[in-house]
Amino acid sequence: MSKIEVIERQVESLSPRELSAFRRWFASFDSKVWDRELKEDAATGKLDALADEALGEHRDGKSTTL
């Protein structure tokens, strides 16, 4: 049995209260991981092409004010 399968079974066996606590914890954990990955991608230039494309489209009048 893989680690994922073990985790799935454990999550399935949580009480509603435990599941609620797990959801809060996982949302926070996932958010921190996402932030770290985004910072790393920005620092290493992985997002530069997307930023250049977006700025170009903005200069060409293809964007709208929010």
N, C-alpha and C. Protein backbone atom coordinates (compact mmCIF):
# COMPACT_ATOMS: atom_id res chain seq x y z
N MET A 1 0.85 -1.17 0.00
CA MET A 1 0.00 0.00 0.00
C MET A 1 0.91 1.24 0.00
N SER A 2 0.60 2.20 -0.87
CA SER A 2 1.41 3.42 -0.96
C SER A 2 1.10 4.37 0.20
N LYS A 3 1.97 5.33 0.39
CA LYS A 3 1.75 6.33 1.44
C LYS A 3 0.43 7.07 1.20
N ILE A 4 0.15 7.38 -0.06
CA ILE A 4 -1.08 8.10 -0.39
C ILE A 4 -2.30 7.28 0.00
N GLU A 5 -2.27 6.01 -0.30
CA GLU A 5 -3.40 5.15 0.07
C GLU A 5 -3.59 5.08 1.59
N VAL A 6 -2.49 5.03 2.31
CA VAL A 6 -2.56 5.01 3.77
C VAL A 6 -3.20 6.31 4.27
N ILE A 7 -2.73 7.44 3.73
CA ILE A 7 -3.27 8.74 4.14
C ILE A 7 -4.76 8.83 3.79
N GLU A 8 -5.12 8.39 2.59
CA GLU A 8 -6.53 8.42 2.19
C GLU A 8 -7.40 7.66 3.18
N ARG A 9 -6.97 6.48 3.56
CA ARG A 9 -7.75 5.67 4.51
C ARG A 9 -7.84 6.34 5.87
N GLN A 10 -6.74 6.95 6.29
CA GLN A 10 -6.76 7.64 7.57
C GLN A 10 -7.70 8.84 7.54
N VAL A 11 -7.67 9.59 6.44
CA VAL A 11 -8.56 10.74 6.32
C VAL A 11 -10.01 10.27 6.30
N GLU A 12 -10.29 9.19 5.60
CA GLU A 12 -11.65 8.66 5.54
C GLU A 12 -12.17 8.25 6.92
N SER A 13 -11.26 7.91 7.82
CA SER A 13 -11.69 7.44 9.14
C SER A 13 -11.81 8.57 10.17
N LEU A 14 -11.51 9.79 9.77
CA LEU A 14 -11.60 10.91 10.72
C LEU A 14 -13.05 11.23 11.07
N SER A 15 -13.23 11.68 12.29
CA SER A 15 -14.55 12.16 12.70
C SER A 15 -14.78 13.51 12.01
N PRO A 16 -16.03 13.97 11.96
CA PRO A 16 -16.28 15.29 11.35
C PRO A 16 -15.43 16.40 11.98
N ARG A 17 -15.28 16.37 13.28
CA ARG A 17 -14.47 17.39 13.96
C ARG A 17 -13.00 17.29 13.56
N GLU A 18 -12.49 16.06 13.51
CA GLU A 18 -11.10 15.85 13.10
C GLU A 18 -10.90 16.25 11.64
N LEU A 19 -11.86 15.94 10.81
CA LEU A 19 -11.77 16.29 9.39
C LEU A 19 -11.74 17.80 9.21
N SER A 20 -12.54 18.50 9.98
CA SER A 20 -12.55 19.96 9.93
C SER A 20 -11.19 20.53 10.33
N ALA A 21 -10.61 20.00 11.37
CA ALA A 21 -9.28 20.44 11.82
C ALA A 21 -8.23 20.12 10.77
N PHE A 22 -8.33 18.95 10.16
CA PHE A 22 -7.39 18.56 9.12
C PHE A 22 -7.50 19.50 7.91
N ARG A 23 -8.71 19.83 7.51
CA ARG A 23 -8.91 20.75 6.39
C ARG A 23 -8.24 22.09 6.65
N ARG A 24 -8.44 22.63 7.86
CA ARG A 24 -7.81 23.92 8.20
C ARG A 24 -6.29 23.80 8.14
N TRP A 25 -5.76 22.73 8.73
CA TRP A 25 -4.31 22.54 8.71
C TRP A 25 -3.80 22.41 7.28
N PHE A 26 -4.48 21.59 6.46
CA PHE A 26 -3.99 21.35 5.11
C PHE A 26 -4.08 22.60 4.26
N ALA A 27 -5.12 23.40 4.40
CA ALA A 27 -5.25 24.64 3.64
C ALA A 27 -4.08 25.57 3.97
N SER A 28 -3.73 25.67 5.24
CA SER A 28 -2.60 26.50 5.64
C SER A 28 -1.29 25.94 5.10
N PHE A 29 -1.09 24.65 5.24
CA PHE A 29 0.11 23.99 4.74
C PHE A 29 0.25 24.18 3.23
N ASP A 30 -0.82 23.93 2.50
CA ASP A 30 -0.80 24.03 1.04
C ASP A 30 -0.51 25.47 0.60
N SER A 31 -1.07 26.42 1.30
CA SER A 31 -0.84 27.83 0.98
C SER A 31 0.63 28.20 1.16
N LYS A 32 1.24 27.72 2.22
CA LYS A 32 2.66 28.00 2.47
C LYS A 32 3.54 27.38 1.39
N VAL A 33 3.22 26.15 0.99
CA VAL A 33 3.98 25.48 -0.06
C VAL A 33 3.85 26.26 -1.38
N TRP A 34 2.62 26.66 -1.70
CA TRP A 34 2.36 27.42 -2.93
C TRP A 34 3.15 28.73 -2.93
N ASP A 35 3.12 29.45 -1.81
CA ASP A 35 3.85 30.71 -1.71
C ASP A 35 5.35 30.50 -1.92
N ARG A 36 5.90 29.47 -1.30
CA ARG A 36 7.33 29.17 -1.43
C ARG A 36 7.67 28.84 -2.89
N GLU A 37 6.84 28.03 -3.54
CA GLU A 37 7.09 27.68 -4.93
C GLU A 37 7.01 28.90 -5.84
N LEU A 38 6.03 29.77 -5.60
CA LEU A 38 5.87 30.97 -6.40
C LEU A 38 7.08 31.89 -6.24
N LYS A 39 7.57 32.06 -5.01
CA LYS A 39 8.76 32.87 -4.78
C LYS A 39 9.97 32.31 -5.51
N GLU A 40 10.14 30.99 -5.44
CA GLU A 40 11.27 30.35 -6.11
C GLU A 40 11.17 30.52 -7.62
N ASP A 41 9.97 30.34 -8.16
CA ASP A 41 9.79 30.50 -9.61
C ASP A 41 10.06 31.93 -10.04
N ALA A 42 9.64 32.90 -9.25
CA ALA A 42 9.89 34.31 -9.57
C ALA A 42 11.39 34.60 -9.49
N ALA A 43 12.04 34.10 -8.47
CA ALA A 43 13.47 34.37 -8.28
C ALA A 43 14.34 33.75 -9.37
N THR A 44 13.90 32.61 -9.90
CA THR A 44 14.70 31.92 -10.92
C THR A 44 14.32 32.31 -12.34
N GLY A 45 13.36 33.24 -12.48
CA GLY A 45 13.00 33.72 -13.81
C GLY A 45 11.97 32.89 -14.54
N LYS A 46 11.40 31.89 -13.89
CA LYS A 46 10.43 31.02 -14.57
C LYS A 46 9.15 31.76 -14.97
N LEU A 47 8.90 32.91 -14.33
CA LEU A 47 7.67 33.65 -14.62
C LEU A 47 7.91 34.84 -15.54
N ASP A 48 9.16 35.07 -15.93
CA ASP A 48 9.49 36.24 -16.73
C ASP A 48 8.76 36.28 -18.07
N ALA A 49 8.69 35.16 -18.76
CA ALA A 49 8.03 35.13 -20.06
C ALA A 49 6.54 35.46 -19.92
N LEU A 50 5.91 34.95 -18.87
CA LEU A 50 4.49 35.25 -18.64
C LEU A 50 4.29 36.73 -18.33
N ALA A 51 5.18 37.29 -17.52
CA ALA A 51 5.08 38.71 -17.19
C ALA A 51 5.28 39.56 -18.43
N ASP A 52 6.26 39.22 -19.25
CA ASP A 52 6.50 39.97 -20.49
C ASP A 52 5.30 39.91 -21.42
N GLU A 53 4.70 38.74 -21.52
CA GLU A 53 3.51 38.58 -22.36
C GLU A 53 2.36 39.44 -21.84
N ALA A 54 2.14 39.41 -20.54
CA ALA A 54 1.05 40.19 -19.94
C ALA A 54 1.29 41.69 -20.12
N LEU A 55 2.53 42.13 -19.91
CA LEU A 55 2.83 43.55 -20.09
C LEU A 55 2.67 43.98 -21.54
N GLY A 56 3.06 43.12 -22.46
CA GLY A 56 2.88 43.40 -23.88
C GLY A 56 1.41 43.53 -24.25
N GLU A 57 0.60 42.64 -23.75
CA GLU A 57 -0.84 42.72 -24.02
C GLU A 57 -1.45 43.97 -23.40
N HIS A 58 -0.95 44.35 -22.25
CA HIS A 58 -1.44 45.58 -21.61
C HIS A 58 -1.07 46.79 -22.46
N ARG A 59 0.17 46.84 -22.93
CA ARG A 59 0.60 47.94 -23.80
C ARG A 59 -0.23 48.01 -25.08
N ASP A 60 -0.65 46.84 -25.56
CA ASP A 60 -1.44 46.78 -26.80
C ASP A 60 -2.92 47.05 -26.56
N GLY A 61 -3.28 47.41 -25.33
CA GLY A 61 -4.66 47.73 -25.01
C GLY A 61 -5.57 46.53 -24.86
N LYS A 62 -5.00 45.38 -24.59
CA LYS A 62 -5.79 44.15 -24.46
C LYS A 62 -6.16 43.82 -23.02
N SER A 63 -6.02 44.78 -22.13
CA SER A 63 -6.39 44.56 -20.73
C SER A 63 -7.45 45.56 -20.31
N THR A 64 -8.09 45.27 -19.22
CA THR A 64 -9.11 46.18 -18.69
C THR A 64 -8.81 46.47 -17.23
N THR A 65 -9.26 47.61 -16.76
CA THR A 65 -9.07 47.98 -15.36
C THR A 65 -10.05 47.19 -14.51
N LEU A 66 -9.56 46.70 -13.40
CA LEU A 66 -10.44 45.97 -12.49
C LEU A 66 -11.20 46.91 -11.61
